[in-house]
């Protein structure tokens, strides 16, 4: 099980163990549905959750029922299971893929990513093959694996995808 840092515990709130938590804005949408968080690698079930802003919430965690218990968690990082989080689909997250090769599981090497382009509702990898521009959508439906060691994005592109660019 992989844990991803999503935020940090702030100050206590009240006397019954409530905590202010600061959640990375990107993960706040996921946080609204998360039922378990990890602090110091220990799981805590969320009993109550009030979201105040795009980055702040007040939570009550199981077994944290006093201000003193809550104070022990102040300043600690909050993690969530990777399975509870949606994939990162924004341009900044994909900028690190420039220079990676795109490999289709059936067709093999497609080309090297020259640029990441943000279009309405879609992030595209721009590459050139036989001096022709090809724009490949970077989304969960097509990406099978990102291999950081080999600098490759392994994909399952739709049948006939490359024919559009001929």
C-alpha atoms as a PDB file:
ATOM      1  CA  UNK A   1       0.000   0.000   0.000  1.00  0.00           C
ATOM      2  CA  UNK A   2       1.449   3.333  -1.098  1.00  0.00           C
ATOM      3  CA  UNK A   3       0.803   6.444   0.997  1.00  0.00           C
ATOM      4  CA  UNK A   4       0.773   9.943  -0.509  1.00  0.00           C
ATOM      5  CA  UNK A   5       1.240  13.108   1.555  1.00  0.00           C
ATOM      6  CA  UNK A   6      -1.907  15.216   1.237  1.00  0.00           C
ATOM      7  CA  UNK A   7      -1.475  17.785   3.980  1.00  0.00           C
ATOM      8  CA  UNK A   8      -0.578  18.639   7.546  1.00  0.00           C
ATOM      9  CA  UNK A   9      -2.248  18.766  10.941  1.00  0.00           C
ATOM     10  CA  UNK A  10      -2.668  22.314  12.208  1.00  0.00           C
ATOM     11  CA  UNK A  11      -3.851  23.392  15.655  1.00  0.00           C
ATOM     12  CA  UNK A  12      -6.437  21.834  17.898  1.00  0.00           C
ATOM     13  CA  UNK A  13      -9.993  23.139  17.718  1.00  0.00           C
ATOM     14  CA  UNK A  14     -12.033  23.072  20.888  1.00  0.00           C
ATOM     15  CA  UNK A  15     -11.652  20.578  23.743  1.00  0.00           C
ATOM     16  CA  UNK A  16     -13.012  17.324  22.312  1.00  0.00           C
ATOM     17  CA  UNK A  17     -10.077  16.379  20.069  1.00  0.00           C
ATOM     18  CA  UNK A  18     -11.035  18.262  16.916  1.00  0.00           C
ATOM     19  CA  UNK A  19      -8.118  19.258  14.680  1.00  0.00           C
ATOM     20  CA  UNK A  20      -7.667  21.889  12.012  1.00  0.00           C
ATOM     21  CA  UNK A  21      -6.056  20.243   9.009  1.00  0.00           C
ATOM     22  CA  UNK A  22      -4.440  21.913   6.033  1.00  0.00           C
ATOM     23  CA  UNK A  23      -4.939  19.858   2.895  1.00  0.00           C
ATOM     24  CA  UNK A  24      -3.073  20.458  -0.352  1.00  0.00           C
ATOM     25  CA  UNK A  25      -5.643  22.152  -2.582  1.00  0.00           C
ATOM     26  CA  UNK A  26      -5.138  19.524  -5.292  1.00  0.00           C
ATOM     27  CA  UNK A  27      -6.252  16.753  -2.899  1.00  0.00           C
ATOM     28  CA  UNK A  28      -9.185  18.566  -1.268  1.00  0.00           C
ATOM     29  CA  UNK A  29     -11.747  17.079  -3.662  1.00  0.00           C
ATOM     30  CA  UNK A  30     -10.487  13.580  -2.803  1.00  0.00           C
ATOM     31  CA  UNK A  31     -10.316  14.480   0.902  1.00  0.00           C
ATOM     32  CA  UNK A  32     -14.072  15.104   0.977  1.00  0.00           C
ATOM     33  CA  UNK A  33     -14.582  11.358   0.283  1.00  0.00           C
ATOM     34  CA  UNK A  34     -11.668   9.883   2.254  1.00  0.00           C
ATOM     35  CA  UNK A  35     -12.652   7.942   5.368  1.00  0.00           C
ATOM     36  CA  UNK A  36      -9.153   7.049   6.651  1.00  0.00           C
ATOM     37  CA  UNK A  37      -5.997   9.163   6.910  1.00  0.00           C
ATOM     38  CA  UNK A  38      -2.542   8.161   8.093  1.00  0.00           C
ATOM     39  CA  UNK A  39      -0.490  10.140  10.595  1.00  0.00           C
ATOM     40  CA  UNK A  40       2.859   8.727  11.771  1.00  0.00           C
ATOM     41  CA  UNK A  41       2.019   5.716   9.562  1.00  0.00           C
ATOM     42  CA  UNK A  42      -0.974   4.919  11.791  1.00  0.00           C
ATOM     43  CA  UNK A  43      -4.488   4.810  10.325  1.00  0.00           C
ATOM     44  CA  UNK A  44      -7.113   7.138  11.776  1.00  0.00           C
ATOM     45  CA  UNK A  45     -10.780   6.870  10.824  1.00  0.00           C
ATOM     46  CA  UNK A  46     -12.413  10.229  10.256  1.00  0.00           C
ATOM     47  CA  UNK A  47     -15.557  10.453  12.394  1.00  0.00           C
ATOM     48  CA  UNK A  48     -16.468  14.030  11.518  1.00  0.00           C
ATOM     49  CA  UNK A  49     -15.309  16.401   8.782  1.00  0.00           C
ATOM     50  CA  UNK A  50     -16.206  20.060   8.244  1.00  0.00           C
ATOM     51  CA  UNK A  51     -14.559  21.668   5.227  1.00  0.00           C
ATOM     52  CA  UNK A  52     -14.022  25.401   5.739  1.00  0.00           C
ATOM     53  CA  UNK A  53     -12.034  26.548   2.698  1.00  0.00           C
ATOM     54  CA  UNK A  54     -10.309  25.145  -0.375  1.00  0.00           C
ATOM     55  CA  UNK A  55      -7.451  24.009   1.867  1.00  0.00           C
ATOM     56  CA  UNK A  56      -8.726  23.781   5.432  1.00  0.00           C
ATOM     57  CA  UNK A  57     -11.027  21.463   7.329  1.00  0.00           C
ATOM     58  CA  UNK A  58     -11.810  20.560  10.911  1.00  0.00           C
ATOM     59  CA  UNK A  59     -11.827  16.840  11.623  1.00  0.00           C
ATOM     60  CA  UNK A  60     -12.516  14.522  14.505  1.00  0.00           C
ATOM     61  CA  UNK A  61     -10.493  11.327  14.361  1.00  0.00           C
ATOM     62  CA  UNK A  62     -11.377   8.038  16.013  1.00  0.00           C
ATOM     63  CA  UNK A  63      -9.617   7.619  19.389  1.00  0.00           C
ATOM     64  CA  UNK A  64      -8.610  11.319  19.469  1.00  0.00           C
ATOM     65  CA  UNK A  65     -11.205  12.502  21.954  1.00  0.00           C
ATOM     66  CA  UNK A  66      -9.351  15.061  24.070  1.00  0.00           C
ATOM     67  CA  UNK A  67      -7.461  18.256  23.382  1.00  0.00           C
ATOM     68  CA  UNK A  68      -4.317  16.636  24.846  1.00  0.00           C
ATOM     69  CA  UNK A  69      -4.452  13.691  22.415  1.00  0.00           C
ATOM     70  CA  UNK A  70      -5.070  16.084  19.547  1.00  0.00           C
ATOM     71  CA  UNK A  71      -2.095  18.254  20.539  1.00  0.00           C
ATOM     72  CA  UNK A  72       0.257  15.273  20.034  1.00  0.00           C
ATOM     73  CA  UNK A  73      -0.670  15.269  16.328  1.00  0.00           C
ATOM     74  CA  UNK A  74      -0.109  18.994  15.720  1.00  0.00           C
ATOM     75  CA  UNK A  75       2.359  19.695  12.921  1.00  0.00           C
ATOM     76  CA  UNK A  76       2.375  16.076  11.710  1.00  0.00           C
ATOM     77  CA  UNK A  77       2.016  15.247   8.032  1.00  0.00           C
ATOM     78  CA  UNK A  78      -1.214  13.657   6.801  1.00  0.00           C
ATOM     79  CA  UNK A  79      -1.153  10.838   4.269  1.00  0.00           C
ATOM     80  CA  UNK A  80      -3.798   8.992   2.283  1.00  0.00           C
ATOM     81  CA  UNK A  81      -3.774   5.698   0.421  1.00  0.00           C
ATOM     82  CA  UNK A  82      -2.849   6.202  -3.215  1.00  0.00           C
ATOM     83  CA  UNK A  83      -5.957   4.200  -4.164  1.00  0.00           C
ATOM     84  CA  UNK A  84      -8.129   6.872  -2.498  1.00  0.00           C
ATOM     85  CA  UNK A  85      -6.677   9.651  -4.668  1.00  0.00           C
ATOM     86  CA  UNK A  86      -7.450  10.544  -8.245  1.00  0.00           C
ATOM     87  CA  UNK A  87      -4.635  10.695 -10.778  1.00  0.00           C
ATOM     88  CA  UNK A  88      -2.824  13.978 -11.296  1.00  0.00           C
ATOM     89  CA  UNK A  89      -4.086  15.386 -14.570  1.00  0.00           C
ATOM     90  CA  UNK A  90      -2.691  18.860 -14.881  1.00  0.00           C
ATOM     91  CA  UNK A  91      -0.004  20.340 -17.056  1.00  0.00           C
ATOM     92  CA  UNK A  92       2.569  20.913 -14.283  1.00  0.00           C
ATOM     93  CA  UNK A  93       2.484  17.246 -13.306  1.00  0.00           C
ATOM     94  CA  UNK A  94       3.316  16.179 -16.839  1.00  0.00           C
ATOM     95  CA  UNK A  95       6.058  18.729 -17.605  1.00  0.00           C
ATOM     96  CA  UNK A  96       8.565  16.240 -16.185  1.00  0.00           C
ATOM     97  CA  UNK A  97       7.707  13.862 -19.036  1.00  0.00           C
ATOM     98  CA  UNK A  98       9.351  16.030 -21.714  1.00  0.00           C
ATOM     99  CA  UNK A  99      12.054  13.866 -23.274  1.00  0.00           C
ATOM    100  CA  UNK A 100      10.310  10.609 -22.351  1.00  0.00           C
ATOM    101  CA  UNK A 101       9.538   8.111 -25.085  1.00  0.00           C
ATOM    102  CA  UNK A 102       5.948   7.127 -25.782  1.00  0.00           C
ATOM    103  CA  UNK A 103       5.607   3.383 -26.282  1.00  0.00           C
ATOM    104  CA  UNK A 104       2.350   1.815 -27.474  1.00  0.00           C
ATOM    105  CA  UNK A 105       1.838  -1.730 -26.194  1.00  0.00           C
ATOM    106  CA  UNK A 106       1.051  -2.989 -29.728  1.00  0.00           C
ATOM    107  CA  UNK A 107       2.885  -0.593 -32.059  1.00  0.00           C
ATOM    108  CA  UNK A 108       6.056  -0.084 -30.027  1.00  0.00           C
ATOM    109  CA  UNK A 109       7.959   3.217 -30.051  1.00  0.00           C
ATOM    110  CA  UNK A 110       5.837   6.156 -31.207  1.00  0.00           C
ATOM    111  CA  UNK A 111       8.297   8.971 -30.484  1.00  0.00           C
ATOM    112  CA  UNK A 112       9.780  11.283 -27.885  1.00  0.00           C
ATOM    113  CA  UNK A 113       7.720  13.909 -26.064  1.00  0.00           C
ATOM    114  CA  UNK A 114       8.845  17.343 -27.251  1.00  0.00           C
ATOM    115  CA  UNK A 115       6.319  19.449 -25.386  1.00  0.00           C
ATOM    116  CA  UNK A 116       3.298  19.227 -23.075  1.00  0.00           C
ATOM    117  CA  UNK A 117       0.308  21.237 -24.299  1.00  0.00           C
ATOM    118  CA  UNK A 118      -2.749  22.067 -22.211  1.00  0.00           C
ATOM    119  CA  UNK A 119      -5.953  22.099 -24.228  1.00  0.00           C
ATOM    120  CA  UNK A 120      -9.505  22.465 -22.947  1.00  0.00           C
ATOM    121  CA  UNK A 121     -10.292  19.335 -20.906  1.00  0.00           C
ATOM    122  CA  UNK A 122      -7.128  17.545 -22.046  1.00  0.00           C
ATOM    123  CA  UNK A 123      -3.350  17.494 -21.584  1.00  0.00           C
ATOM    124  CA  UNK A 124      -1.508  16.500 -24.775  1.00  0.00           C
ATOM    125  CA  UNK A 125       2.002  15.233 -25.420  1.00  0.00           C
ATOM    126  CA  UNK A 126       3.421  16.721 -28.603  1.00  0.00           C
ATOM    127  CA  UNK A 127       5.867  14.587 -30.541  1.00  0.00           C
ATOM    128  CA  UNK A 128       7.073  14.323 -34.101  1.00  0.00           C
ATOM    129  CA  UNK A 129       7.189  11.198 -36.262  1.00  0.00           C
ATOM    130  CA  UNK A 130       8.461  11.391 -39.834  1.00  0.00           C
ATOM    131  CA  UNK A 131       8.434  15.199 -39.431  1.00  0.00           C
ATOM    132  CA  UNK A 132       4.688  15.137 -38.694  1.00  0.00           C
ATOM    133  CA  UNK A 133       3.268  16.505 -35.460  1.00  0.00           C
ATOM    134  CA  UNK A 134       1.392  13.968 -33.339  1.00  0.00           C
ATOM    135  CA  UNK A 135      -0.640  14.972 -30.296  1.00  0.00           C
ATOM    136  CA  UNK A 136      -1.211  12.150 -27.824  1.00  0.00           C
ATOM    137  CA  UNK A 137      -3.763  12.629 -25.017  1.00  0.00           C
ATOM    138  CA  UNK A 138      -2.246  11.975 -21.598  1.00  0.00           C
ATOM    139  CA  UNK A 139      -5.039  10.456 -19.592  1.00  0.00           C
ATOM    140  CA  UNK A 140      -5.709   7.455 -17.401  1.00  0.00           C
ATOM    141  CA  UNK A 141      -7.612   5.659 -20.160  1.00  0.00           C
ATOM    142  CA  UNK A 142      -4.480   5.375 -22.306  1.00  0.00           C
ATOM    143  CA  UNK A 143      -1.520   5.411 -19.876  1.00  0.00           C
ATOM    144  CA  UNK A 144      -0.600   1.950 -18.632  1.00  0.00           C
ATOM    145  CA  UNK A 145       2.631   2.863 -16.854  1.00  0.00           C
ATOM    146  CA  UNK A 146       5.141   5.681 -16.478  1.00  0.00           C
ATOM    147  CA  UNK A 147       8.640   4.206 -16.154  1.00  0.00           C
ATOM    148  CA  UNK A 148      10.858   6.866 -14.610  1.00  0.00           C
ATOM    149  CA  UNK A 149      14.002   4.709 -14.876  1.00  0.00           C
ATOM    150  CA  UNK A 150      13.618   4.010 -18.619  1.00  0.00           C
ATOM    151  CA  UNK A 151      12.046   7.443 -19.242  1.00  0.00           C
ATOM    152  CA  UNK A 152       9.067   5.885 -21.003  1.00  0.00           C
ATOM    153  CA  UNK A 153       5.319   6.342 -21.002  1.00  0.00           C
ATOM    154  CA  UNK A 154       3.752   2.986 -21.881  1.00  0.00           C
ATOM    155  CA  UNK A 155       0.318   3.442 -23.428  1.00  0.00           C
ATOM    156  CA  UNK A 156      -2.595   1.583 -24.978  1.00  0.00           C
ATOM    157  CA  UNK A 157      -3.654   3.911 -27.793  1.00  0.00           C
ATOM    158  CA  UNK A 158      -6.936   3.302 -29.630  1.00  0.00           C
ATOM    159  CA  UNK A 159      -6.744   1.182 -32.769  1.00  0.00           C
ATOM    160  CA  UNK A 160      -6.059   3.376 -35.783  1.00  0.00           C
ATOM    161  CA  UNK A 161      -4.943   6.333 -33.632  1.00  0.00           C
ATOM    162  CA  UNK A 162      -1.776   6.989 -35.652  1.00  0.00           C
ATOM    163  CA  UNK A 163      -3.632   6.734 -38.990  1.00  0.00           C
ATOM    164  CA  UNK A 164      -5.211  10.109 -38.191  1.00  0.00           C
ATOM    165  CA  UNK A 165      -1.773  11.714 -38.459  1.00  0.00           C
ATOM    166  CA  UNK A 166      -0.790  10.200 -41.850  1.00  0.00           C
END
